[in-house]
Amino acid sequence: EANNLSIDLDAMDIQAAFADLVVTNIESNPTSILWHQSVTVTWTVENQGTVPATGSWTDYLRVSGNNTVSGDDAFIANPTRPAGAVNLAPGASYTQSATFNFTYPIHLNDNAYFFVQSDYSGTLAEGPTGESNTFFDDVATPISNPDLYIDPALIVVPASPNAGNVVPVQWTITNQGLGTLNFTPWGTAYWRIY
């Protein structure tokens, strides 16, 4: 009975099968944005794995001031996936979009980089391929911001105000930017200088 054990010395390559969600395309319309303008971003997600992607996952659309994921990126939307994407076969894909008024955040300055993180919460078993879930638009979307300017030469104050009296102060605000300032509220502050 000592010879009941046999060992196969040939190596066996065992590969685990995973789904692999990959964002393959992202586009914004229009391609140049005015502040508070309606914008639609459309993206496509493909299962490049070897087994169906089954279960519940969510795509997150975000916007960045550069093409790098960071803590100051702004969340835009996480729309419900199309009905046909519940069980996504290998090689199959789905396309979805989000429409919103562009009000995201002022630090973006002149360019917006939209990006999508598929299966944002990591609910699917994708193995080592899960790192491919984030995709940036490779072209920056220019932002036309308003740029408010107060000309010091147009500030009007009384020549000799009396202490304790209410005095009128007038100033002119000009929008020197390309974007239209079409929302409220916004205000102006002023200070006393001694």
N, C-alpha and C. Protein backbone atom coordinates (compact mmCIF):
# COMPACT_ATOMS: atom_id res chain seq x y z
N GLU A 1 0.81 -1.21 0.00
CA GLU A 1 0.00 0.00 0.00
C GLU A 1 0.85 1.26 0.00
N ALA A 2 2.16 1.12 -0.01
CA ALA A 2 3.02 2.30 0.03
C ALA A 2 3.07 3.04 -1.29
N ASN A 3 2.58 2.43 -2.37
CA ASN A 3 2.69 3.05 -3.70
C ASN A 3 1.35 3.60 -4.19
N ASN A 4 0.45 3.94 -3.25
CA ASN A 4 -0.87 4.45 -3.66
C ASN A 4 -0.85 5.92 -4.09
N LEU A 5 0.23 6.61 -3.84
CA LEU A 5 0.33 8.04 -4.15
C LEU A 5 1.13 8.25 -5.42
N SER A 6 0.55 9.00 -6.38
CA SER A 6 1.26 9.32 -7.62
C SER A 6 1.24 10.82 -7.83
N ILE A 7 2.34 11.39 -8.20
CA ILE A 7 2.46 12.84 -8.41
C ILE A 7 2.80 13.11 -9.86
N ASP A 8 1.96 13.96 -10.52
CA ASP A 8 2.23 14.38 -11.89
C ASP A 8 3.20 15.55 -11.84
N LEU A 9 4.37 15.37 -12.41
CA LEU A 9 5.41 16.40 -12.34
C LEU A 9 5.29 17.44 -13.44
N ASP A 10 4.33 17.26 -14.37
CA ASP A 10 4.16 18.23 -15.44
C ASP A 10 3.36 19.43 -14.91
N ALA A 11 3.83 20.63 -15.19
CA ALA A 11 3.14 21.84 -14.73
C ALA A 11 1.82 22.02 -15.47
N MET A 12 0.81 22.47 -14.76
CA MET A 12 -0.49 22.74 -15.37
C MET A 12 -0.82 24.22 -15.22
N ASP A 13 -1.12 24.83 -16.35
CA ASP A 13 -1.44 26.26 -16.36
C ASP A 13 -2.93 26.43 -16.10
N ILE A 14 -3.27 26.95 -14.92
CA ILE A 14 -4.66 27.17 -14.55
C ILE A 14 -4.93 28.68 -14.56
N GLN A 15 -5.85 29.10 -15.41
CA GLN A 15 -6.18 30.52 -15.52
C GLN A 15 -7.60 30.77 -15.05
N ALA A 16 -7.76 31.69 -14.12
CA ALA A 16 -9.09 32.04 -13.64
C ALA A 16 -9.81 32.86 -14.69
N ALA A 17 -11.11 32.65 -14.80
CA ALA A 17 -11.92 33.37 -15.78
C ALA A 17 -12.64 34.54 -15.09
N PHE A 18 -12.50 35.72 -15.67
CA PHE A 18 -13.12 36.91 -15.10
C PHE A 18 -13.81 37.71 -16.20
N ALA A 19 -14.83 38.45 -15.80
CA ALA A 19 -15.32 39.53 -16.66
C ALA A 19 -14.34 40.68 -16.60
N ASP A 20 -14.34 41.53 -17.60
CA ASP A 20 -13.42 42.67 -17.63
C ASP A 20 -14.11 43.84 -18.31
N LEU A 21 -14.67 44.73 -17.50
CA LEU A 21 -15.36 45.91 -18.04
C LEU A 21 -14.33 46.97 -18.42
N VAL A 22 -14.39 47.41 -19.66
CA VAL A 22 -13.46 48.42 -20.16
C VAL A 22 -14.25 49.52 -20.85
N VAL A 23 -14.04 50.76 -20.41
CA VAL A 23 -14.64 51.91 -21.09
C VAL A 23 -13.83 52.18 -22.34
N THR A 24 -14.46 52.03 -23.50
CA THR A 24 -13.72 52.12 -24.76
C THR A 24 -13.85 53.46 -25.46
N ASN A 25 -14.81 54.27 -25.05
CA ASN A 25 -15.01 55.55 -25.73
C ASN A 25 -15.79 56.49 -24.84
N ILE A 26 -15.49 57.79 -24.95
CA ILE A 26 -16.25 58.81 -24.24
C ILE A 26 -16.21 60.08 -25.08
N GLU A 27 -17.38 60.70 -25.24
CA GLU A 27 -17.48 61.91 -26.05
C GLU A 27 -18.41 62.91 -25.37
N SER A 28 -18.11 64.18 -25.51
CA SER A 28 -18.97 65.24 -24.97
C SER A 28 -19.54 66.06 -26.11
N ASN A 29 -20.75 66.55 -25.93
CA ASN A 29 -21.41 67.38 -26.91
C ASN A 29 -22.15 68.51 -26.17
N PRO A 30 -21.82 69.76 -26.47
CA PRO A 30 -20.89 70.24 -27.50
C PRO A 30 -19.44 70.03 -27.11
N THR A 31 -18.55 70.29 -28.05
CA THR A 31 -17.13 70.08 -27.81
C THR A 31 -16.46 71.29 -27.16
N SER A 32 -17.21 72.39 -27.01
CA SER A 32 -16.75 73.56 -26.27
C SER A 32 -17.92 74.01 -25.40
N ILE A 33 -17.65 74.29 -24.11
CA ILE A 33 -18.73 74.47 -23.14
C ILE A 33 -18.80 75.91 -22.65
N LEU A 34 -20.03 76.42 -22.59
CA LEU A 34 -20.30 77.67 -21.91
C LEU A 34 -20.77 77.35 -20.50
N TRP A 35 -20.43 78.21 -19.57
CA TRP A 35 -20.84 78.00 -18.17
C TRP A 35 -22.37 77.93 -18.10
N HIS A 36 -22.90 76.93 -17.41
CA HIS A 36 -24.33 76.68 -17.24
C HIS A 36 -25.00 76.21 -18.53
N GLN A 37 -24.24 75.77 -19.49
CA GLN A 37 -24.80 75.24 -20.72
C GLN A 37 -25.16 73.77 -20.55
N SER A 38 -26.16 73.30 -21.28
CA SER A 38 -26.53 71.89 -21.25
C SER A 38 -25.48 71.08 -22.02
N VAL A 39 -24.99 70.03 -21.38
CA VAL A 39 -23.94 69.19 -21.97
C VAL A 39 -24.37 67.73 -21.89
N THR A 40 -24.08 66.97 -22.93
CA THR A 40 -24.34 65.54 -22.94
C THR A 40 -23.01 64.80 -23.12
N VAL A 41 -22.73 63.87 -22.22
CA VAL A 41 -21.54 63.03 -22.33
C VAL A 41 -22.01 61.59 -22.56
N THR A 42 -21.44 60.96 -23.57
CA THR A 42 -21.81 59.60 -23.95
C THR A 42 -20.59 58.70 -23.87
N TRP A 43 -20.76 57.49 -23.36
CA TRP A 43 -19.63 56.56 -23.26
C TRP A 43 -20.08 55.14 -23.55
N THR A 44 -19.09 54.30 -23.88
CA THR A 44 -19.33 52.89 -24.21
C THR A 44 -18.48 52.01 -23.30
N VAL A 45 -19.10 50.96 -22.78
CA VAL A 45 -18.41 49.99 -21.92
C VAL A 45 -18.50 48.62 -22.58
N GLU A 46 -17.37 47.95 -22.68
CA GLU A 46 -17.31 46.61 -23.29
C GLU A 46 -16.79 45.60 -22.28
N ASN A 47 -17.34 44.40 -22.32
CA ASN A 47 -16.82 43.30 -21.52
C ASN A 47 -15.73 42.61 -22.33
N GLN A 48 -14.49 42.87 -21.97
CA GLN A 48 -13.35 42.26 -22.67
C GLN A 48 -12.83 41.04 -21.93
N GLY A 49 -13.62 40.53 -20.98
CA GLY A 49 -13.24 39.34 -20.25
C GLY A 49 -13.65 38.07 -20.96
N THR A 50 -13.55 36.95 -20.26
CA THR A 50 -13.83 35.64 -20.86
C THR A 50 -15.13 35.03 -20.36
N VAL A 51 -15.79 35.69 -19.39
CA VAL A 51 -17.08 35.22 -18.90
C VAL A 51 -18.03 36.40 -18.84
N PRO A 52 -19.35 36.16 -18.81
CA PRO A 52 -20.30 37.26 -18.75
C PRO A 52 -20.13 38.10 -17.47
N ALA A 53 -20.39 39.40 -17.62
CA ALA A 53 -20.45 40.30 -16.45
C ALA A 53 -21.88 40.24 -15.94
N THR A 54 -22.07 39.63 -14.80
CA THR A 54 -23.41 39.39 -14.26
C THR A 54 -23.53 40.04 -12.89
N GLY A 55 -24.63 40.71 -12.68
CA GLY A 55 -24.84 41.32 -11.38
C GLY A 55 -25.15 42.80 -11.49
N SER A 56 -24.87 43.51 -10.43
CA SER A 56 -25.19 44.93 -10.36
C SER A 56 -23.91 45.75 -10.26
N TRP A 57 -23.74 46.69 -11.16
CA TRP A 57 -22.61 47.61 -11.07
C TRP A 57 -23.06 48.97 -11.60
N THR A 58 -22.30 50.00 -11.28
CA THR A 58 -22.67 51.37 -11.61
C THR A 58 -21.49 52.08 -12.25
N ASP A 59 -21.78 52.81 -13.32
CA ASP A 59 -20.78 53.68 -13.95
C ASP A 59 -20.88 55.07 -13.34
N TYR A 60 -19.74 55.66 -13.01
CA TYR A 60 -19.70 57.02 -12.49
C TYR A 60 -19.07 57.93 -13.53
N LEU A 61 -19.77 59.02 -13.85
CA LEU A 61 -19.23 60.05 -14.72
C LEU A 61 -18.70 61.17 -13.85
N ARG A 62 -17.45 61.58 -14.10
CA ARG A 62 -16.82 62.65 -13.32
C ARG A 62 -16.13 63.62 -14.27
N VAL A 63 -15.71 64.75 -13.72
CA VAL A 63 -14.98 65.74 -14.50
C VAL A 63 -13.77 66.19 -13.70
N SER A 64 -12.67 66.39 -14.40
CA SER A 64 -11.40 66.76 -13.78
C SER A 64 -10.81 67.96 -14.50
N GLY A 65 -9.94 68.68 -13.80
CA GLY A 65 -9.22 69.78 -14.42
C GLY A 65 -7.99 69.32 -15.19
N ASN A 66 -7.67 68.03 -15.07
CA ASN A 66 -6.56 67.44 -15.83
C ASN A 66 -6.94 66.00 -16.15
N ASN A 67 -6.04 65.24 -16.71
CA ASN A 67 -6.37 63.86 -17.06
C ASN A 67 -5.83 62.88 -16.03
N THR A 68 -5.96 63.25 -14.76
CA THR A 68 -5.50 62.41 -13.65
C THR A 68 -6.59 62.35 -12.59
N VAL A 69 -6.86 61.15 -12.08
CA VAL A 69 -7.85 61.00 -11.02
C VAL A 69 -7.28 61.60 -9.73
N SER A 70 -8.07 62.48 -9.08
CA SER A 70 -7.62 63.11 -7.84
C SER A 70 -8.83 63.43 -6.97
N GLY A 71 -8.56 63.87 -5.75
CA GLY A 71 -9.62 64.11 -4.79
C GLY A 71 -10.52 65.28 -5.12
N ASP A 72 -10.07 66.21 -5.98
CA ASP A 72 -10.91 67.37 -6.30
C ASP A 72 -11.72 67.18 -7.57
N ASP A 73 -11.74 65.97 -8.13
CA ASP A 73 -12.60 65.70 -9.28
C ASP A 73 -14.06 65.75 -8.85
N ALA A 74 -14.92 66.25 -9.71
CA ALA A 74 -16.33 66.45 -9.37
C ALA A 74 -17.19 65.33 -9.95
N PHE A 75 -18.07 64.82 -9.11
CA PHE A 75 -19.04 63.82 -9.54
C PHE A 75 -20.13 64.49 -10.37
N ILE A 76 -20.55 63.83 -11.47
CA ILE A 76 -21.62 64.37 -12.31
C ILE A 76 -22.86 63.49 -12.26
N ALA A 77 -22.71 62.19 -12.56
CA ALA A 77 -23.89 61.34 -12.65
C ALA A 77 -23.50 59.87 -12.54
N ASN A 78 -24.45 59.04 -12.14
CA ASN A 78 -24.30 57.58 -12.19
C ASN A 78 -25.61 56.97 -12.69
N PRO A 79 -25.87 57.12 -13.99
CA PRO A 79 -27.15 56.69 -14.55
C PRO A 79 -27.34 55.18 -14.48
N THR A 80 -28.60 54.76 -14.47
CA THR A 80 -28.93 53.34 -14.48
C THR A 80 -28.50 52.71 -15.80
N ARG A 81 -27.91 51.54 -15.72
CA ARG A 81 -27.44 50.87 -16.94
C ARG A 81 -28.62 50.46 -17.82
N PRO A 82 -28.40 50.38 -19.14
CA PRO A 82 -29.46 49.89 -20.03
C PRO A 82 -29.87 48.47 -19.65
N ALA A 83 -31.12 48.13 -19.97
CA ALA A 83 -31.65 46.82 -19.60
C ALA A 83 -30.83 45.67 -20.19
N GLY A 84 -30.29 45.87 -21.38
CA GLY A 84 -29.53 44.81 -22.03
C GLY A 84 -28.15 44.59 -21.44
N ALA A 85 -27.76 45.41 -20.46
CA ALA A 85 -26.41 45.28 -19.89
C ALA A 85 -26.43 44.57 -18.55
N VAL A 86 -27.54 43.92 -18.19
CA VAL A 86 -27.60 43.21 -16.91
C VAL A 86 -26.68 42.01 -16.93
N ASN A 87 -26.70 41.25 -18.01
CA ASN A 87 -25.77 40.13 -18.21
C ASN A 87 -25.00 40.42 -19.49
N LEU A 88 -23.80 40.95 -19.34
CA LEU A 88 -23.02 41.41 -20.50
C LEU A 88 -22.06 40.31 -20.93
N ALA A 89 -22.33 39.71 -22.07
CA ALA A 89 -21.51 38.60 -22.57
C ALA A 89 -20.13 39.09 -22.98
N PRO A 90 -19.14 38.19 -23.02
CA PRO A 90 -17.81 38.57 -23.52
C PRO A 90 -17.91 39.16 -24.92
N GLY A 91 -17.28 40.31 -25.13
CA GLY A 91 -17.32 40.98 -26.42
C GLY A 91 -18.51 41.90 -26.61
N ALA A 92 -19.50 41.80 -25.73
CA ALA A 92 -20.67 42.68 -25.84
C ALA A 92 -20.39 44.02 -25.17
N SER A 93 -21.18 45.02 -25.55
CA SER A 93 -20.97 46.37 -25.00
C SER A 93 -22.30 47.08 -24.85
N TYR A 94 -22.30 48.17 -24.13
CA TYR A 94 -23.47 49.03 -24.01
C TYR A 94 -23.00 50.47 -24.04
N THR A 95 -23.91 51.35 -24.46
CA THR A 95 -23.63 52.78 -24.52
C THR A 95 -24.69 53.52 -23.72
N GLN A 96 -24.25 54.45 -22.92
CA GLN A 96 -25.20 55.29 -22.19
C GLN A 96 -24.67 56.71 -22.10
N SER A 97 -25.53 57.60 -21.63
CA SER A 97 -25.16 59.02 -21.61
C SER A 97 -25.79 59.71 -20.42
N ALA A 98 -25.29 60.90 -20.15
CA ALA A 98 -25.82 61.76 -19.09
C ALA A 98 -25.87 63.19 -19.63
N THR A 99 -26.99 63.87 -19.38
CA THR A 99 -27.16 65.26 -19.79
C THR A 99 -27.31 66.11 -18.54
N PHE A 100 -26.61 67.23 -18.49
CA PHE A 100 -26.57 68.05 -17.28
C PHE A 100 -26.20 69.48 -17.66
N ASN A 101 -26.50 70.42 -16.76
CA ASN A 101 -26.05 71.80 -16.92
C ASN A 101 -24.65 71.91 -16.33
N PHE A 102 -23.73 72.45 -17.10
CA PHE A 102 -22.34 72.47 -16.66
C PHE A 102 -22.12 73.58 -15.64
N THR A 103 -22.03 73.19 -14.37
CA THR A 103 -21.77 74.14 -13.28
C THR A 103 -20.62 73.66 -12.41
N TYR A 104 -19.81 72.75 -12.90
CA TYR A 104 -18.80 72.09 -12.10
C TYR A 104 -17.49 72.83 -12.16
N PRO A 105 -16.67 72.41 -11.10
CA PRO A 105 -16.39 73.50 -10.18
C PRO A 105 -15.48 74.52 -10.81
N ILE A 106 -15.41 75.69 -10.19
CA ILE A 106 -14.72 76.84 -10.79
C ILE A 106 -13.24 76.59 -10.98
N HIS A 107 -12.63 75.67 -10.18
CA HIS A 107 -11.18 75.46 -10.28
C HIS A 107 -10.78 74.77 -11.57
N LEU A 108 -11.75 74.32 -12.37
CA LEU A 108 -11.41 73.68 -13.63
C LEU A 108 -10.76 74.67 -14.59
N ASN A 109 -11.00 75.95 -14.37
CA ASN A 109 -10.40 77.01 -15.19
C ASN A 109 -10.83 76.89 -16.64
N ASP A 110 -9.91 76.53 -17.53
CA ASP A 110 -10.19 76.63 -18.96
C ASP A 110 -10.52 75.32 -19.64
N ASN A 111 -10.29 74.18 -18.99
CA ASN A 111 -10.50 72.89 -19.64
C ASN A 111 -11.18 71.90 -18.72
N ALA A 112 -12.02 71.06 -19.31
CA ALA A 112 -12.67 69.99 -18.57
C ALA A 112 -12.28 68.65 -19.20
N TYR A 113 -11.89 67.71 -18.35
CA TYR A 113 -11.61 66.35 -18.80
C TYR A 113 -12.68 65.44 -18.20
N PHE A 114 -13.58 64.93 -19.04
CA PHE A 114 -14.59 64.01 -18.56
C PHE A 114 -14.01 62.59 -18.52
N PHE A 115 -14.37 61.86 -17.47
CA PHE A 115 -13.93 60.47 -17.43
C PHE A 115 -14.99 59.62 -16.75
N VAL A 116 -14.97 58.33 -17.07
CA VAL A 116 -15.94 57.37 -16.55
C VAL A 116 -15.21 56.28 -15.80
N GLN A 117 -15.75 55.92 -14.65
CA GLN A 117 -15.27 54.79 -13.88
C GLN A 117 -16.37 53.73 -13.87
N SER A 118 -16.18 52.68 -14.67
CA SER A 118 -17.17 51.61 -14.73
C SER A 118 -17.00 50.71 -13.51
N ASP A 119 -18.12 50.20 -13.00
CA ASP A 119 -18.12 49.41 -11.75
C ASP A 119 -17.34 50.16 -10.68
N TYR A 120 -17.79 51.39 -10.42
CA TYR A 120 -17.09 52.29 -9.50
C TYR A 120 -16.88 51.67 -8.12
N SER A 121 -17.88 50.94 -7.63
CA SER A 121 -17.80 50.38 -6.28
C SER A 121 -17.08 49.04 -6.22
N GLY A 122 -16.67 48.51 -7.38
CA GLY A 122 -15.93 47.25 -7.39
C GLY A 122 -16.77 46.05 -7.00
N THR A 123 -18.03 46.02 -7.42
CA THR A 123 -18.91 44.92 -7.03
C THR A 123 -18.70 43.66 -7.87
N LEU A 124 -18.13 43.81 -9.07
CA LEU A 124 -17.90 42.65 -9.93
C LEU A 124 -16.54 42.04 -9.64
N ALA A 125 -16.46 40.72 -9.80
CA ALA A 125 -15.18 40.02 -9.67
C ALA A 125 -14.46 40.11 -11.01
N GLU A 126 -13.53 41.04 -11.12
CA GLU A 126 -12.78 41.23 -12.36
C GLU A 126 -11.32 40.83 -12.23
N GLY A 127 -10.94 40.34 -11.07
CA GLY A 127 -9.56 39.92 -10.90
C GLY A 127 -8.60 41.07 -11.11
N PRO A 128 -7.42 40.80 -11.64
CA PRO A 128 -6.42 41.87 -11.83
C PRO A 128 -6.80 42.86 -12.93
N THR A 129 -7.84 42.55 -13.72
CA THR A 129 -8.19 43.43 -14.84
C THR A 129 -9.05 44.61 -14.40
N GLY A 130 -9.46 44.66 -13.14
CA GLY A 130 -10.32 45.73 -12.68
C GLY A 130 -9.69 47.11 -12.76
N GLU A 131 -8.37 47.16 -12.89
CA GLU A 131 -7.68 48.45 -12.95
C GLU A 131 -7.95 49.18 -14.26
N SER A 132 -8.54 48.49 -15.25
CA SER A 132 -8.77 49.11 -16.56
C SER A 132 -10.13 49.78 -16.64
N ASN A 133 -10.81 49.95 -15.52
CA ASN A 133 -12.19 50.45 -15.53
C ASN A 133 -12.30 51.96 -15.71
N THR A 134 -11.23 52.71 -15.55
CA THR A 134 -11.28 54.17 -15.65
C THR A 134 -10.78 54.62 -17.02
N PHE A 135 -11.55 55.51 -17.66
CA PHE A 135 -11.19 55.97 -19.00
C PHE A 135 -11.42 57.46 -19.10
N PHE A 136 -10.41 58.20 -19.53
CA PHE A 136 -10.50 59.65 -19.73
C PHE A 136 -10.74 59.96 -21.21
N ASP A 137 -11.52 61.01 -21.44
CA ASP A 137 -11.59 61.57 -22.78
C ASP A 137 -10.20 62.09 -23.11
N ASP A 138 -9.67 61.67 -24.25
CA ASP A 138 -8.29 62.04 -24.58
C ASP A 138 -8.17 63.47 -25.10
N VAL A 139 -9.29 64.15 -25.26
CA VAL A 139 -9.28 65.54 -25.73
C VAL A 139 -9.96 66.40 -24.68
N ALA A 140 -9.29 67.44 -24.24
CA ALA A 140 -9.87 68.36 -23.26
C ALA A 140 -11.03 69.12 -23.89
N THR A 141 -12.07 69.37 -23.09
CA THR A 141 -13.21 70.17 -23.54
C THR A 141 -13.02 71.60 -23.04
N PRO A 142 -12.82 72.55 -23.94
CA PRO A 142 -12.60 73.94 -23.49
C PRO A 142 -13.84 74.51 -22.80
N ILE A 143 -13.61 75.30 -21.75
CA ILE A 143 -14.68 75.96 -21.00
C ILE A 143 -14.60 77.46 -21.23
N SER A 144 -15.72 78.04 -21.60
CA SER A 144 -15.79 79.50 -21.75
C SER A 144 -16.36 80.08 -20.47
N ASN A 145 -15.48 80.56 -19.61
CA ASN A 145 -15.90 81.08 -18.31
C ASN A 145 -16.23 82.57 -18.37
N PRO A 146 -17.15 83.03 -17.53
CA PRO A 146 -17.28 84.48 -17.34
C PRO A 146 -16.07 85.01 -16.59
N ASP A 147 -15.76 86.27 -16.77
CA ASP A 147 -14.63 86.90 -16.09
C ASP A 147 -15.05 88.33 -15.71
N LEU A 148 -15.45 88.49 -14.46
CA LEU A 148 -15.96 89.79 -14.01
C LEU A 148 -14.82 90.72 -13.64
N TYR A 149 -14.96 91.98 -14.07
CA TYR A 149 -13.90 92.97 -13.83
C TYR A 149 -14.54 94.29 -13.39
N ILE A 150 -13.97 94.88 -12.35
CA ILE A 150 -14.38 96.21 -11.88
C ILE A 150 -13.25 97.18 -12.18
N ASP A 151 -13.54 98.16 -13.02
CA ASP A 151 -12.54 99.16 -13.39
C ASP A 151 -12.43 100.19 -12.26
N PRO A 152 -11.26 100.28 -11.62
CA PRO A 152 -11.11 101.26 -10.52
C PRO A 152 -11.42 102.69 -10.94
N ALA A 153 -11.19 103.00 -12.21
CA ALA A 153 -11.42 104.36 -12.67
C ALA A 153 -12.90 104.70 -12.73
N LEU A 154 -13.76 103.68 -12.70
CA LEU A 154 -15.21 103.91 -12.79
C LEU A 154 -15.90 103.82 -11.43
N ILE A 155 -15.12 103.72 -10.36
CA ILE A 155 -15.71 103.72 -9.02
C ILE A 155 -15.96 105.17 -8.61
N VAL A 156 -17.20 105.45 -8.24
CA VAL A 156 -17.58 106.83 -7.91
C VAL A 156 -17.93 106.91 -6.43
N VAL A 157 -17.24 107.78 -5.69
CA VAL A 157 -17.51 108.01 -4.26
C VAL A 157 -17.55 109.51 -4.02
N PRO A 158 -18.24 109.96 -2.97
CA PRO A 158 -18.27 111.40 -2.66
C PRO A 158 -16.86 111.92 -2.40
N ALA A 159 -16.63 113.15 -2.81
CA ALA A 159 -15.30 113.74 -2.65
C ALA A 159 -14.96 113.97 -1.18
N SER A 160 -15.95 114.38 -0.38
CA SER A 160 -15.69 114.69 1.04
C SER A 160 -16.80 114.09 1.89
N PRO A 161 -16.80 112.79 2.13
CA PRO A 161 -17.85 112.20 2.95
C PRO A 161 -17.70 112.61 4.41
N ASN A 162 -18.81 112.75 5.09
CA ASN A 162 -18.79 113.10 6.51
C ASN A 162 -18.85 111.85 7.36
N ALA A 163 -18.12 111.86 8.47
CA ALA A 163 -18.09 110.70 9.35
C ALA A 163 -19.48 110.38 9.87
N GLY A 164 -19.86 109.11 9.83
CA GLY A 164 -21.13 108.66 10.36
C GLY A 164 -22.29 108.75 9.38
N ASN A 165 -22.07 109.36 8.22
CA ASN A 165 -23.13 109.48 7.24
C ASN A 165 -23.13 108.29 6.27
N VAL A 166 -24.29 107.98 5.74
CA VAL A 166 -24.40 106.99 4.67
C VAL A 166 -24.02 107.66 3.36
N VAL A 167 -23.11 107.07 2.62
CA VAL A 167 -22.65 107.67 1.37
C VAL A 167 -22.91 106.71 0.21
N PRO A 168 -23.26 107.22 -0.94
CA PRO A 168 -23.46 106.36 -2.12
C PRO A 168 -22.12 106.00 -2.75
N VAL A 169 -22.03 104.75 -3.16
CA VAL A 169 -20.85 104.29 -3.89
C VAL A 169 -21.33 103.60 -5.16
N GLN A 170 -20.78 103.97 -6.29
CA GLN A 170 -21.17 103.39 -7.57
C GLN A 170 -19.96 102.73 -8.23
N TRP A 171 -20.22 101.59 -8.87
CA TRP A 171 -19.16 100.92 -9.61
C TRP A 171 -19.77 100.19 -10.80
N THR A 172 -18.95 99.86 -11.75
CA THR A 172 -19.39 99.18 -12.97
C THR A 172 -18.68 97.83 -13.08
N ILE A 173 -19.47 96.79 -13.30
CA ILE A 173 -18.92 95.44 -13.46
C ILE A 173 -19.04 95.04 -14.93
N THR A 174 -17.93 94.61 -15.51
CA THR A 174 -17.90 94.19 -16.91
C THR A 174 -17.50 92.72 -16.99
N ASN A 175 -18.20 91.96 -17.79
CA ASN A 175 -17.83 90.57 -18.04
C ASN A 175 -16.87 90.53 -19.22
N GLN A 176 -15.59 90.32 -18.92
CA GLN A 176 -14.58 90.29 -19.98
C GLN A 176 -14.32 88.87 -20.48
N GLY A 177 -15.04 87.90 -19.95
CA GLY A 177 -14.85 86.51 -20.37
C GLY A 177 -15.69 86.16 -21.57
N LEU A 178 -15.57 84.91 -22.01
CA LEU A 178 -16.34 84.42 -23.14
C LEU A 178 -17.65 83.79 -22.71
N GLY A 179 -17.75 83.41 -21.43
CA GLY A 179 -18.95 82.77 -20.94
C GLY A 179 -19.97 83.78 -20.44
N THR A 180 -21.25 83.45 -20.60
CA THR A 180 -22.33 84.32 -20.15
C THR A 180 -22.64 84.05 -18.69
N LEU A 181 -22.74 85.11 -17.90
CA LEU A 181 -23.12 84.98 -16.50
C LEU A 181 -24.64 85.10 -16.44
N ASN A 182 -25.31 83.93 -16.48
CA ASN A 182 -26.77 83.95 -16.60
C ASN A 182 -27.44 83.24 -15.43
N PHE A 183 -26.84 83.35 -14.26
CA PHE A 183 -27.44 82.70 -13.11
C PHE A 183 -27.29 83.59 -11.88
N THR A 184 -28.12 83.33 -10.90
CA THR A 184 -28.08 84.05 -9.62
C THR A 184 -28.11 83.02 -8.50
N PRO A 185 -27.73 83.33 -7.27
CA PRO A 185 -27.32 84.68 -6.87
C PRO A 185 -25.81 84.86 -7.00
N TRP A 186 -25.40 86.07 -7.17
CA TRP A 186 -24.01 86.45 -7.01
C TRP A 186 -24.00 87.89 -6.52
N GLY A 187 -22.96 88.26 -5.84
CA GLY A 187 -22.95 89.57 -5.21
C GLY A 187 -21.57 90.20 -5.25
N THR A 188 -21.52 91.42 -4.73
CA THR A 188 -20.28 92.17 -4.70
C THR A 188 -20.05 92.69 -3.28
N ALA A 189 -18.83 92.55 -2.81
CA ALA A 189 -18.49 93.06 -1.49
C ALA A 189 -17.57 94.28 -1.64
N TYR A 190 -17.62 95.18 -0.65
CA TYR A 190 -16.72 96.32 -0.69
C TYR A 190 -16.25 96.62 0.72
N TRP A 191 -15.12 97.31 0.82
CA TRP A 191 -14.45 97.52 2.11
C TRP A 191 -14.14 99.00 2.28
N ARG A 192 -14.03 99.38 3.57
CA ARG A 192 -13.50 100.71 3.89
C ARG A 192 -12.00 100.61 4.03
N ILE A 193 -11.29 101.54 3.45
CA ILE A 193 -9.83 101.60 3.54
C ILE A 193 -9.43 102.91 4.20
N TYR A 194 -8.63 102.83 5.27
CA TYR A 194 -8.25 104.03 6.02
C TYR A 194 -6.83 104.43 5.66
